[in-house]
C-alpha atoms as a PDB file:
ATOM      1  CA  MET A   1      -5.519  28.942  -7.344  1.00  0.00           C
ATOM      2  CA  ILE A   2      -8.170  26.404  -6.334  1.00  0.00           C
ATOM      3  CA  GLN A   3      -9.555  26.763  -2.832  1.00  0.00           C
ATOM      4  CA  THR A   4     -10.975  23.811  -0.879  1.00  0.00           C
ATOM      5  CA  GLU A   5     -11.973  23.093   2.699  1.00  0.00           C
ATOM      6  CA  THR A   6      -8.290  22.439   3.406  1.00  0.00           C
ATOM      7  CA  GLY A   7      -7.287  25.779   1.903  1.00  0.00           C
ATOM      8  CA  ALA A   8      -5.305  26.469  -1.263  1.00  0.00           C
ATOM      9  CA  LEU A   9      -4.206  23.278  -2.971  1.00  0.00           C
ATOM     10  CA  PRO A  10      -0.512  22.389  -2.831  1.00  0.00           C
ATOM     11  CA  ALA A  11       1.716  23.751  -5.567  1.00  0.00           C
ATOM     12  CA  ALA A  12       4.593  21.646  -6.873  1.00  0.00           C
ATOM     13  CA  THR A  13       7.596  22.102  -4.601  1.00  0.00           C
ATOM     14  CA  THR A  14      11.198  21.039  -4.083  1.00  0.00           C
ATOM     15  CA  ASP A  15      11.051  21.828  -0.357  1.00  0.00           C
ATOM     16  CA  PRO A  16      10.702  18.589   1.665  1.00  0.00           C
ATOM     17  CA  GLU A  17       9.292  20.395   4.688  1.00  0.00           C
ATOM     18  CA  GLN A  18       6.588  22.038   2.596  1.00  0.00           C
ATOM     19  CA  ALA A  19       5.842  18.715   0.934  1.00  0.00           C
ATOM     20  CA  LEU A  20       5.446  17.017   4.310  1.00  0.00           C
ATOM     21  CA  ALA A  21       3.185  19.799   5.546  1.00  0.00           C
ATOM     22  CA  ASP A  22       1.033  19.387   2.432  1.00  0.00           C
ATOM     23  CA  LEU A  23       0.779  15.647   3.063  1.00  0.00           C
ATOM     24  CA  HIS A  24      -0.348  16.209   6.635  1.00  0.00           C
ATOM     25  CA  VAL A  25      -2.935  18.891   5.780  1.00  0.00           C
ATOM     26  CA  HIS A  26      -4.197  17.941   2.324  1.00  0.00           C
ATOM     27  CA  GLY A  27      -3.217  14.267   2.081  1.00  0.00           C
ATOM     28  CA  PHE A  28      -1.076  14.768  -1.026  1.00  0.00           C
ATOM     29  CA  THR A  29       1.861  16.720  -2.389  1.00  0.00           C
ATOM     30  CA  LEU A  30       3.639  17.346  -5.700  1.00  0.00           C
ATOM     31  CA  LEU A  31       7.428  17.069  -5.784  1.00  0.00           C
ATOM     32  CA  GLU A  32       9.491  18.705  -8.509  1.00  0.00           C
ATOM     33  CA  GLY A  33      13.027  17.878  -9.531  1.00  0.00           C
ATOM     34  CA  VAL A  34      13.032  14.189  -8.553  1.00  0.00           C
ATOM     35  CA  LEU A  35      13.284  12.953 -12.149  1.00  0.00           C
ATOM     36  CA  SER A  36      15.494  14.562 -14.775  1.00  0.00           C
ATOM     37  CA  PRO A  37      14.190  14.941 -18.346  1.00  0.00           C
ATOM     38  CA  GLN A  38      16.565  12.156 -19.398  1.00  0.00           C
ATOM     39  CA  GLU A  39      15.310   9.784 -16.681  1.00  0.00           C
ATOM     40  CA  THR A  40      11.714  10.617 -17.530  1.00  0.00           C
ATOM     41  CA  GLY A  41      12.343   9.883 -21.198  1.00  0.00           C
ATOM     42  CA  VAL A  42      14.017   6.544 -20.507  1.00  0.00           C
ATOM     43  CA  LEU A  43      11.216   5.486 -18.177  1.00  0.00           C
ATOM     44  CA  ALA A  44       8.528   6.462 -20.688  1.00  0.00           C
ATOM     45  CA  GLU A  45      10.265   4.663 -23.551  1.00  0.00           C
ATOM     46  CA  THR A  46      10.864   1.525 -21.479  1.00  0.00           C
ATOM     47  CA  LEU A  47       7.279   1.447 -20.219  1.00  0.00           C
ATOM     48  CA  GLN A  48       5.867   1.792 -23.721  1.00  0.00           C
ATOM     49  CA  SER A  49       8.143  -0.978 -24.977  1.00  0.00           C
ATOM     50  CA  VAL A  50       7.144  -3.370 -22.180  1.00  0.00           C
ATOM     51  CA  ALA A  51       3.447  -2.553 -22.630  1.00  0.00           C
ATOM     52  CA  ALA A  52       3.635  -3.143 -26.396  1.00  0.00           C
ATOM     53  CA  ARG A  53       5.362  -6.482 -25.847  1.00  0.00           C
ATOM     54  CA  GLU A  54       2.728  -7.653 -23.355  1.00  0.00           C
ATOM     55  CA  LEU A  55      -0.065  -6.459 -25.630  1.00  0.00           C
ATOM     56  CA  SER A  56       1.416  -8.311 -28.605  1.00  0.00           C
ATOM     57  CA  ALA A  57       1.814 -11.485 -26.524  1.00  0.00           C
ATOM     58  CA  GLY A  58      -1.809 -11.374 -25.388  1.00  0.00           C
ATOM     59  CA  GLU A  59      -0.726 -10.824 -21.791  1.00  0.00           C
ATOM     60  CA  ALA A  60      -1.902  -7.234 -21.332  1.00  0.00           C
ATOM     61  CA  PHE A  61      -4.058  -6.419 -18.309  1.00  0.00           C
ATOM     62  CA  GLN A  62      -6.605  -3.835 -19.473  1.00  0.00           C
ATOM     63  CA  ASP A  63      -9.136  -2.055 -17.310  1.00  0.00           C
ATOM     64  CA  GLY A  64     -10.745   1.351 -16.886  1.00  0.00           C
ATOM     65  CA  GLY A  65     -13.693   0.659 -19.171  1.00  0.00           C
ATOM     66  CA  PRO A  66     -17.362   1.327 -18.404  1.00  0.00           C
ATOM     67  CA  ARG A  67     -17.965  -2.342 -17.568  1.00  0.00           C
ATOM     68  CA  GLN A  68     -14.925  -3.149 -15.434  1.00  0.00           C
ATOM     69  CA  GLN A  69     -12.373  -1.502 -13.185  1.00  0.00           C
ATOM     70  CA  TRP A  70      -9.199  -2.553 -11.402  1.00  0.00           C
ATOM     71  CA  GLY A  71     -10.118  -3.940  -7.984  1.00  0.00           C
ATOM     72  CA  ASP A  72     -13.429  -5.454  -9.121  1.00  0.00           C
ATOM     73  CA  PHE A  73     -12.497  -9.122  -9.279  1.00  0.00           C
ATOM     74  CA  LYS A  74     -15.982 -10.631  -9.568  1.00  0.00           C
ATOM     75  CA  GLU A  75     -16.774 -12.830 -12.559  1.00  0.00           C
ATOM     76  CA  VAL A  76     -19.196 -11.135 -14.958  1.00  0.00           C
ATOM     77  CA  ASP A  77     -21.082 -12.390 -18.034  1.00  0.00           C
ATOM     78  CA  GLY A  78     -19.454 -15.783 -17.797  1.00  0.00           C
ATOM     79  CA  LEU A  79     -15.940 -14.333 -17.868  1.00  0.00           C
ATOM     80  CA  THR A  80     -13.391 -15.338 -15.284  1.00  0.00           C
ATOM     81  CA  ALA A  81     -11.808 -12.485 -13.348  1.00  0.00           C
ATOM     82  CA  ARG A  82      -8.661 -12.937 -15.463  1.00  0.00           C
ATOM     83  CA  ASP A  83     -10.467 -12.778 -18.824  1.00  0.00           C
ATOM     84  CA  LYS A  84     -12.519  -9.824 -17.614  1.00  0.00           C
ATOM     85  CA  PHE A  85      -9.471  -7.565 -17.785  1.00  0.00           C
ATOM     86  CA  ARG A  86      -8.905  -7.713 -21.532  1.00  0.00           C
ATOM     87  CA  ALA A  87      -9.703  -5.323 -24.362  1.00  0.00           C
ATOM     88  CA  ALA A  88     -12.299  -7.806 -25.634  1.00  0.00           C
ATOM     89  CA  ALA A  89     -14.158  -7.441 -22.335  1.00  0.00           C
ATOM     90  CA  GLY A  90     -14.046  -3.643 -22.436  1.00  0.00           C
ATOM     91  CA  GLY A  91     -10.639  -2.835 -20.989  1.00  0.00           C
ATOM     92  CA  ILE A  92      -9.035   0.396 -22.207  1.00  0.00           C
ATOM     93  CA  ASN A  93      -6.228   1.439 -19.879  1.00  0.00           C
ATOM     94  CA  GLN A  94      -3.254  -0.905 -19.648  1.00  0.00           C
ATOM     95  CA  ARG A  95      -1.618  -1.964 -16.406  1.00  0.00           C
ATOM     96  CA  VAL A  96       1.938  -3.272 -16.259  1.00  0.00           C
ATOM     97  CA  TRP A  97       2.711  -5.291 -13.152  1.00  0.00           C
ATOM     98  CA  MET A  98       5.870  -6.379 -11.316  1.00  0.00           C
ATOM     99  CA  ILE A  99       8.123  -3.861 -13.006  1.00  0.00           C
ATOM    100  CA  VAL A 100      11.034  -4.659 -10.690  1.00  0.00           C
ATOM    101  CA  ASN A 101      11.640  -7.373 -13.312  1.00  0.00           C
ATOM    102  CA  LYS A 102      11.113  -5.171 -16.360  1.00  0.00           C
ATOM    103  CA  GLY A 103      13.928  -2.638 -16.413  1.00  0.00           C
ATOM    104  CA  GLN A 104      16.696  -1.269 -14.215  1.00  0.00           C
ATOM    105  CA  CYS A 105      15.234   2.220 -14.638  1.00  0.00           C
ATOM    106  CA  PHE A 106      12.179   1.061 -12.667  1.00  0.00           C
ATOM    107  CA  VAL A 107      14.348  -0.444  -9.915  1.00  0.00           C
ATOM    108  CA  ASP A 108      16.324   2.798  -9.641  1.00  0.00           C
ATOM    109  CA  LEU A 109      13.158   4.671  -8.657  1.00  0.00           C
ATOM    110  CA  LEU A 110      13.125   2.772  -5.364  1.00  0.00           C
ATOM    111  CA  SER A 111      16.275   4.596  -4.245  1.00  0.00           C
ATOM    112  CA  LYS A 112      15.137   8.164  -4.897  1.00  0.00           C
ATOM    113  CA  GLU A 113      15.942   9.764  -1.559  1.00  0.00           C
ATOM    114  CA  PRO A 114      13.636  12.821  -1.796  1.00  0.00           C
ATOM    115  CA  VAL A 115      10.725  10.393  -2.092  1.00  0.00           C
ATOM    116  CA  LEU A 116      11.976   7.943   0.522  1.00  0.00           C
ATOM    117  CA  HIS A 117      12.508  10.794   2.989  1.00  0.00           C
ATOM    118  CA  LEU A 118       8.801  11.639   2.842  1.00  0.00           C
ATOM    119  CA  VAL A 119       7.679   8.010   2.851  1.00  0.00           C
ATOM    120  CA  ARG A 120       9.685   7.421   6.027  1.00  0.00           C
ATOM    121  CA  ALA A 121       8.259  10.596   7.558  1.00  0.00           C
ATOM    122  CA  LEU A 122       4.791   9.051   7.229  1.00  0.00           C
ATOM    123  CA  LEU A 123       5.505   5.339   7.728  1.00  0.00           C
ATOM    124  CA  GLY A 124       8.614   5.332   9.923  1.00  0.00           C
ATOM    125  CA  GLU A 125      12.089   3.946   9.456  1.00  0.00           C
ATOM    126  CA  CYS A 126      10.956   0.370   8.669  1.00  0.00           C
ATOM    127  CA  LEU A 127       8.945  -0.043   5.498  1.00  0.00           C
ATOM    128  CA  GLN A 128       8.583  -2.289   2.488  1.00  0.00           C
ATOM    129  CA  LEU A 129       7.440  -2.183  -1.096  1.00  0.00           C
ATOM    130  CA  SER A 130       3.798  -3.178  -1.543  1.00  0.00           C
ATOM    131  CA  SER A 131       3.583  -2.793  -5.316  1.00  0.00           C
ATOM    132  CA  HIS A 132       5.554  -1.307  -8.177  1.00  0.00           C
ATOM    133  CA  GLY A 133       3.672  -1.111 -11.459  1.00  0.00           C
ATOM    134  CA  ALA A 134       2.439   1.257 -14.118  1.00  0.00           C
ATOM    135  CA  ASN A 135      -0.799   2.516 -15.630  1.00  0.00           C
ATOM    136  CA  ILE A 136      -1.219   3.720 -19.202  1.00  0.00           C
ATOM    137  CA  ALA A 137      -4.491   5.659 -19.321  1.00  0.00           C
ATOM    138  CA  ARG A 138      -5.853   5.832 -22.863  1.00  0.00           C
ATOM    139  CA  LYS A 139      -8.625   7.686 -24.629  1.00  0.00           C
ATOM    140  CA  GLY A 140     -12.032   6.237 -23.899  1.00  0.00           C
ATOM    141  CA  GLY A 141     -11.396   5.230 -20.310  1.00  0.00           C
ATOM    142  CA  VAL A 142     -13.833   6.293 -17.622  1.00  0.00           C
ATOM    143  CA  PRO A 143     -13.084   7.816 -14.216  1.00  0.00           C
ATOM    144  CA  MET A 144     -12.145   5.231 -11.623  1.00  0.00           C
ATOM    145  CA  PRO A 145     -14.493   5.096  -8.631  1.00  0.00           C
ATOM    146  CA  LEU A 146     -13.137   6.876  -5.597  1.00  0.00           C
ATOM    147  CA  HIS A 147     -11.333   4.557  -3.223  1.00  0.00           C
ATOM    148  CA  THR A 148      -8.506   4.468  -0.728  1.00  0.00           C
ATOM    149  CA  ASP A 149      -5.447   2.257  -0.980  1.00  0.00           C
ATOM    150  CA  GLN A 150      -5.738   1.558   2.722  1.00  0.00           C
ATOM    151  CA  TRP A 151      -9.197  -0.013   2.451  1.00  0.00           C
ATOM    152  CA  TRP A 152      -7.885  -3.123   4.241  1.00  0.00           C
ATOM    153  CA  MET A 153      -7.059  -1.294   7.487  1.00  0.00           C
ATOM    154  CA  PRO A 154      -9.568  -2.139  10.253  1.00  0.00           C
ATOM    155  CA  ALA A 155     -11.154   1.048  11.553  1.00  0.00           C
ATOM    156  CA  PRO A 156     -11.167   1.856  15.283  1.00  0.00           C
ATOM    157  CA  VAL A 157     -14.445   0.970  16.984  1.00  0.00           C
ATOM    158  CA  GLU A 158     -16.008   1.615  20.351  1.00  0.00           C
ATOM    159  CA  ALA A 159     -15.584  -1.019  23.047  1.00  0.00           C
ATOM    160  CA  GLY A 160     -18.414  -3.555  22.914  1.00  0.00           C
ATOM    161  CA  VAL A 161     -19.129  -2.968  19.220  1.00  0.00           C
ATOM    162  CA  ASN A 162     -18.650  -5.997  17.022  1.00  0.00           C
ATOM    163  CA  PRO A 163     -16.507  -4.831  14.083  1.00  0.00           C
ATOM    164  CA  MET A 164     -16.307  -6.519  10.720  1.00  0.00           C
ATOM    165  CA  PRO A 165     -13.912  -9.461  11.176  1.00  0.00           C
ATOM    166  CA  VAL A 166     -10.525  -8.574   9.721  1.00  0.00           C
ATOM    167  CA  GLY A 167     -10.567 -11.585   7.399  1.00  0.00           C
ATOM    168  CA  SER A 168     -13.918 -10.513   5.945  1.00  0.00           C
ATOM    169  CA  ILE A 169     -12.924  -6.994   4.875  1.00  0.00           C
ATOM    170  CA  ARG A 170     -13.322  -6.576   1.108  1.00  0.00           C
ATOM    171  CA  ARG A 171     -12.846  -3.724  -1.309  1.00  0.00           C
ATOM    172  CA  ASP A 172     -16.587  -3.525  -1.865  1.00  0.00           C
ATOM    173  CA  ALA A 173     -17.511  -3.989   1.801  1.00  0.00           C
ATOM    174  CA  ALA A 174     -15.253  -1.687   3.758  1.00  0.00           C
ATOM    175  CA  PRO A 175     -16.099  -0.774   7.364  1.00  0.00           C
ATOM    176  CA  VAL A 176     -18.809   1.853   7.856  1.00  0.00           C
ATOM    177  CA  PRO A 177     -17.938   5.312   9.228  1.00  0.00           C
ATOM    178  CA  PRO A 178     -17.113   5.198  12.942  1.00  0.00           C
ATOM    179  CA  ALA A 179     -19.939   6.302  15.214  1.00  0.00           C
ATOM    180  CA  ALA A 180     -17.838   7.984  17.881  1.00  0.00           C
ATOM    181  CA  GLU A 181     -17.469  11.763  17.962  1.00  0.00           C
ATOM    182  CA  PRO A 182     -14.850  12.952  17.528  1.00  0.00           C
ATOM    183  CA  ALA A 183     -14.115  10.028  15.231  1.00  0.00           C
ATOM    184  CA  LEU A 184     -11.041   7.935  15.787  1.00  0.00           C
ATOM    185  CA  ILE A 185      -9.158   7.171  12.608  1.00  0.00           C
ATOM    186  CA  ALA A 186      -6.558   4.629  11.609  1.00  0.00           C
ATOM    187  CA  PRO A 187      -3.010   5.946  11.096  1.00  0.00           C
ATOM    188  CA  CYS A 188      -1.353   6.159   7.708  1.00  0.00           C
ATOM    189  CA  ALA A 189      -0.087   2.658   6.884  1.00  0.00           C
ATOM    190  CA  CYS A 190       0.709   2.996   3.177  1.00  0.00           C
ATOM    191  CA  VAL A 191       1.880   5.735   0.830  1.00  0.00           C
ATOM    192  CA  ASN A 192       1.375   5.958  -2.926  1.00  0.00           C
ATOM    193  CA  VAL A 193       3.893   7.540  -5.279  1.00  0.00           C
ATOM    194  CA  LEU A 194       2.860   8.417  -8.837  1.00  0.00           C
ATOM    195  CA  TRP A 195       5.736   9.205 -11.185  1.00  0.00           C
ATOM    196  CA  TYR A 196       4.473  11.442 -14.015  1.00  0.00           C
ATOM    197  CA  LEU A 197       6.175  10.367 -17.259  1.00  0.00           C
ATOM    198  CA  ARG A 198       4.161  12.800 -19.364  1.00  0.00           C
ATOM    199  CA  ASP A 199       2.403  16.056 -18.587  1.00  0.00           C
ATOM    200  CA  PHE A 200      -0.688  15.378 -16.488  1.00  0.00           C
ATOM    201  CA  SER A 201      -3.837  17.440 -16.947  1.00  0.00           C
ATOM    202  CA  GLU A 202      -7.522  16.990 -16.322  1.00  0.00           C
ATOM    203  CA  GLU A 203      -7.903  16.227 -20.039  1.00  0.00           C
ATOM    204  CA  THR A 204      -5.335  13.416 -19.940  1.00  0.00           C
ATOM    205  CA  GLY A 205      -6.963  11.851 -16.879  1.00  0.00           C
ATOM    206  CA  SER A 206      -4.782  13.056 -14.024  1.00  0.00           C
ATOM    207  CA  THR A 207      -5.550  11.547 -10.637  1.00  0.00           C
ATOM    208  CA  ARG A 208      -8.579  13.001  -8.864  1.00  0.00           C
ATOM    209  CA  VAL A 209      -8.501  13.428  -5.083  1.00  0.00           C
ATOM    210  CA  VAL A 210     -10.679  14.737  -2.287  1.00  0.00           C
ATOM    211  CA  PRO A 211      -8.329  17.035  -0.314  1.00  0.00           C
ATOM    212  CA  GLY A 212      -8.294  16.303   3.386  1.00  0.00           C
ATOM    213  CA  SER A 213     -10.186  13.020   3.042  1.00  0.00           C
ATOM    214  CA  HIS A 214      -7.276  11.132   4.603  1.00  0.00           C
ATOM    215  CA  LEU A 215      -8.595  12.487   7.912  1.00  0.00           C
ATOM    216  CA  PHE A 216     -12.240  11.496   7.407  1.00  0.00           C
ATOM    217  CA  GLY A 217     -11.732   8.072   8.999  1.00  0.00           C
ATOM    218  CA  TYR A 218     -13.936   6.092   6.602  1.00  0.00           C
ATOM    219  CA  GLN A 219     -14.176   4.900   3.019  1.00  0.00           C
ATOM    220  CA  PRO A 220     -15.804   6.984   0.238  1.00  0.00           C
ATOM    221  CA  PRO A 221     -19.467   6.317  -0.491  1.00  0.00           C
ATOM    222  CA  ALA A 222     -20.323   5.095  -3.986  1.00  0.00           C
ATOM    223  CA  ASP A 223     -22.425   8.183  -4.740  1.00  0.00           C
ATOM    224  CA  TYR A 224     -19.827  10.810  -3.757  1.00  0.00           C
ATOM    225  CA  PRO A 225     -20.090  13.608  -6.377  1.00  0.00           C
ATOM    226  CA  GLU A 226     -17.182  14.025  -8.791  1.00  0.00           C
ATOM    227  CA  THR A 227     -17.636  17.788  -8.478  1.00  0.00           C
ATOM    228  CA  GLU A 228     -16.162  17.524  -4.981  1.00  0.00           C
ATOM    229  CA  THR A 229     -12.898  16.102  -6.326  1.00  0.00           C
ATOM    230  CA  VAL A 230      -9.933  17.956  -7.800  1.00  0.00           C
ATOM    231  CA  SER A 231      -7.612  16.936 -10.615  1.00  0.00           C
ATOM    232  CA  VAL A 232      -3.904  16.943  -9.687  1.00  0.00           C
ATOM    233  CA  ALA A 233      -2.094  18.194 -12.784  1.00  0.00           C
ATOM    234  CA  GLY A 234       1.666  18.325 -13.154  1.00  0.00           C
ATOM    235  CA  LYS A 235       4.557  18.397 -15.608  1.00  0.00           C
ATOM    236  CA  ALA A 236       6.412  15.315 -16.788  1.00  0.00           C
ATOM    237  CA  GLY A 237       9.025  14.388 -14.184  1.00  0.00           C
ATOM    238  CA  THR A 238       6.830  15.522 -11.291  1.00  0.00           C
ATOM    239  CA  VAL A 239       6.049  13.074  -8.495  1.00  0.00           C
ATOM    240  CA  LEU A 240       2.648  12.960  -6.814  1.00  0.00           C
ATOM    241  CA  MET A 241       2.660  11.471  -3.319  1.00  0.00           C
ATOM    242  CA  ILE A 242      -0.569  10.612  -1.542  1.00  0.00           C
ATOM    243  CA  ASP A 243      -1.436   9.359   1.919  1.00  0.00           C
ATOM    244  CA  GLY A 244      -2.900   5.854   1.564  1.00  0.00           C
ATOM    245  CA  ARG A 245      -6.112   6.962   3.283  1.00  0.00           C
ATOM    246  CA  ILE A 246      -7.020   9.721   0.815  1.00  0.00           C
ATOM    247  CA  TRP A 247     -10.006   9.286  -1.492  1.00  0.00           C
ATOM    248  CA  HIS A 248      -8.752   9.205  -5.060  1.00  0.00           C
ATOM    249  CA  GLY A 249      -9.139   7.654  -8.501  1.00  0.00           C
ATOM    250  CA  THR A 250      -7.747   7.752 -12.027  1.00  0.00           C
ATOM    251  CA  GLY A 251      -9.389  10.389 -14.212  1.00  0.00           C
ATOM    252  CA  ALA A 252     -10.699   9.900 -17.740  1.00  0.00           C
ATOM    253  CA  ASN A 253      -8.287  10.562 -20.610  1.00  0.00           C
ATOM    254  CA  THR A 254     -10.170  12.440 -23.321  1.00  0.00           C
ATOM    255  CA  THR A 255      -7.121  13.138 -25.509  1.00  0.00           C
ATOM    256  CA  ASP A 256      -5.241  11.124 -28.113  1.00  0.00           C
ATOM    257  CA  ASN A 257      -2.102  11.086 -25.936  1.00  0.00           C
ATOM    258  CA  ASP A 258      -1.524   8.160 -23.584  1.00  0.00           C
ATOM    259  CA  ARG A 259      -1.066   9.115 -19.935  1.00  0.00           C
ATOM    260  CA  LEU A 260       2.014   7.286 -18.662  1.00  0.00           C
ATOM    261  CA  THR A 261       2.487   6.718 -14.941  1.00  0.00           C
ATOM    262  CA  VAL A 262       4.590   4.509 -12.729  1.00  0.00           C
ATOM    263  CA  LEU A 263       2.696   3.692  -9.538  1.00  0.00           C
ATOM    264  CA  THR A 264       4.609   2.712  -6.406  1.00  0.00           C
ATOM    265  CA  THR A 265       3.068   1.819  -3.059  1.00  0.00           C
ATOM    266  CA  PHE A 266       5.020   1.500   0.171  1.00  0.00           C
ATOM    267  CA  CYS A 267       3.586   0.045   3.368  1.00  0.00           C
ATOM    268  CA  GLY A 268       4.613  -0.841   6.890  1.00  0.00           C
ATOM    269  CA  PRO A 269       6.626  -4.038   7.407  1.00  0.00           C
ATOM    270  CA  GLN A 270       3.781  -5.799   9.225  1.00  0.00           C
ATOM    271  CA  TYR A 271       1.389  -5.749   6.252  1.00  0.00           C
ATOM    272  CA  ARG A 272       0.975  -8.127   3.340  1.00  0.00           C
ATOM    273  CA  PRO A 273       2.223  -6.502   0.105  1.00  0.00           C
ATOM    274  CA  GLN A 274       0.142  -6.463  -3.071  1.00  0.00           C
ATOM    275  CA  GLU A 275       2.904  -8.078  -5.117  1.00  0.00           C
ATOM    276  CA  ASN A 276       4.578 -11.232  -3.805  1.00  0.00           C
ATOM    277  CA  TYR A 277       8.258 -10.454  -4.278  1.00  0.00           C
ATOM    278  CA  PHE A 278       9.411 -13.690  -2.635  1.00  0.00           C
ATOM    279  CA  VAL A 279       7.767 -15.652  -5.435  1.00  0.00           C
ATOM    280  CA  GLY A 280       7.843 -13.192  -8.309  1.00  0.00           C
ATOM    281  CA  THR A 281      11.179 -11.355  -8.237  1.00  0.00           C
ATOM    282  CA  ALA A 282      13.477 -12.527 -11.025  1.00  0.00           C
ATOM    283  CA  ALA A 283      16.616 -14.367  -9.928  1.00  0.00           C
ATOM    284  CA  GLU A 284      18.878 -11.890 -11.721  1.00  0.00           C
ATOM    285  CA  VAL A 285      17.245  -8.975  -9.897  1.00  0.00           C
ATOM    286  CA  LEU A 286      17.829 -10.607  -6.527  1.00  0.00           C
ATOM    287  CA  ALA A 287      21.389 -11.550  -7.460  1.00  0.00           C
ATOM    288  CA  ASN A 288      22.221  -7.878  -7.996  1.00  0.00           C
ATOM    289  CA  ALA A 289      20.105  -6.481  -5.147  1.00  0.00           C
ATOM    290  CA  ASP A 290      21.815  -4.486  -2.413  1.00  0.00           C
ATOM    291  CA  GLU A 291      20.526  -4.454   1.180  1.00  0.00           C
ATOM    292  CA  HIS A 292      18.225  -1.507   0.481  1.00  0.00           C
ATOM    293  CA  LEU A 293      16.460  -3.269  -2.380  1.00  0.00           C
ATOM    294  CA  ARG A 294      16.254  -6.550  -0.477  1.00  0.00           C
ATOM    295  CA  ALA A 295      14.642  -4.698   2.426  1.00  0.00           C
ATOM    296  CA  MET A 296      12.195  -3.041   0.022  1.00  0.00           C
ATOM    297  CA  LEU A 297      11.278  -6.471  -1.361  1.00  0.00           C
ATOM    298  CA  GLY A 298      10.464  -7.728   2.136  1.00  0.00           C
ATOM    299  CA  TYR A 299      13.569  -9.810   2.759  1.00  0.00           C
ATOM    300  CA  ARG A 300      14.472  -7.927   5.939  1.00  0.00           C
ATOM    301  CA  ILE A 301      13.105  -9.609   9.071  1.00  0.00           C
ATOM    302  CA  TRP A 302      10.999  -7.306  11.249  1.00  0.00           C
ATOM    303  CA  HIS A 303      10.991  -8.179  14.967  1.00  0.00           C
ATOM    304  CA  GLY A 304      11.119 -11.871  14.066  1.00  0.00           C
ATOM    305  CA  TYR A 305       8.333 -11.610  11.477  1.00  0.00           C
ATOM    306  CA  GLY A 306       8.913 -12.727   7.910  1.00  0.00           C
ATOM    307  CA  ARG A 307      11.641 -15.154   8.889  1.00  0.00           C
ATOM    308  CA  THR A 308      12.251 -18.597   7.471  1.00  0.00           C
ATOM    309  CA  GLU A 309      14.027 -19.935  10.570  1.00  0.00           C
ATOM    310  CA  ASN A 310      16.356 -17.775  12.661  1.00  0.00           C
ATOM    311  CA  PRO A 311      14.251 -14.996  14.253  1.00  0.00           C
ATOM    312  CA  VAL A 312      17.257 -12.787  15.023  1.00  0.00           C
ATOM    313  CA  ALA A 313      18.798 -12.834  11.527  1.00  0.00           C
ATOM    314  CA  GLU A 314      18.626  -9.518   9.690  1.00  0.00           C
ATOM    315  CA  PHE A 315      17.558 -11.024   6.362  1.00  0.00           C
ATOM    316  CA  VAL A 316      15.678 -14.224   5.565  1.00  0.00           C
ATOM    317  CA  ASP A 317      18.507 -15.661   3.491  1.00  0.00           C
ATOM    318  CA  GLU A 318      21.074 -15.514   6.301  1.00  0.00           C
ATOM    319  CA  ASP A 319      22.300 -18.656   8.070  1.00  0.00           C
END
């Protein structure tokens, strides 16, 4: 059993209380028994089919190469940001976006109560979907730089200190570590869920994390040593949940077997989601959406925010 500064790393569990304790202490947990072998198989087959179709159509988003990574949107070598994320520009892993439109099996994941129970425990009763996509990590990819998925959260500062303006925060220019001791930190405002559709190991590029880093209160430095990270392995059907503040990154797949993962991010209702579901959700998905799914997609009004007109309506499409 691996020992770290936060103690022994979490083992996969079916106990929600243990999982929540692991999230609080280590910043991540592994849940067993959320996906059945049949569900895992259907998800894997559907993801591969969608990815193959997008690849064949020339629409695949490919990253994870030595020269480019997801989140680095700068133009390089005369390539636009869009053209930069292609195999011709060095992309290896394949991302599949907006999967609420790409299979009912993906939509069904958003109602898995063991996961939602823990998400609500961290974010509260009101939440929304920030993104729902997938990552196929292939042989030849390189480790993703450590980052947090809550990089956009302004850090607490001392009175009289001029912080970085909120509209100027960027992925590559996150706020510096707070100077106060003990440091104040921002609360958890987003939660990531990684659905393992194949066995995850260090060799297949399982996610690397820095245990306990969700409590550091600042973003990871570019030169943080990989030796201080741990690889979170797990069997197919396992779910990895991570606090949005934890330092993490995709590992490098050194095998001939594609690493298949669905990646779901939830956030508080007051934040802008990564995927714009108002614009991008297919009409047929919305037509069949129950109140839970509509709330996940951001159609529930929160204290008058997100409305189109009536501030006391429950959903934006009400009269």
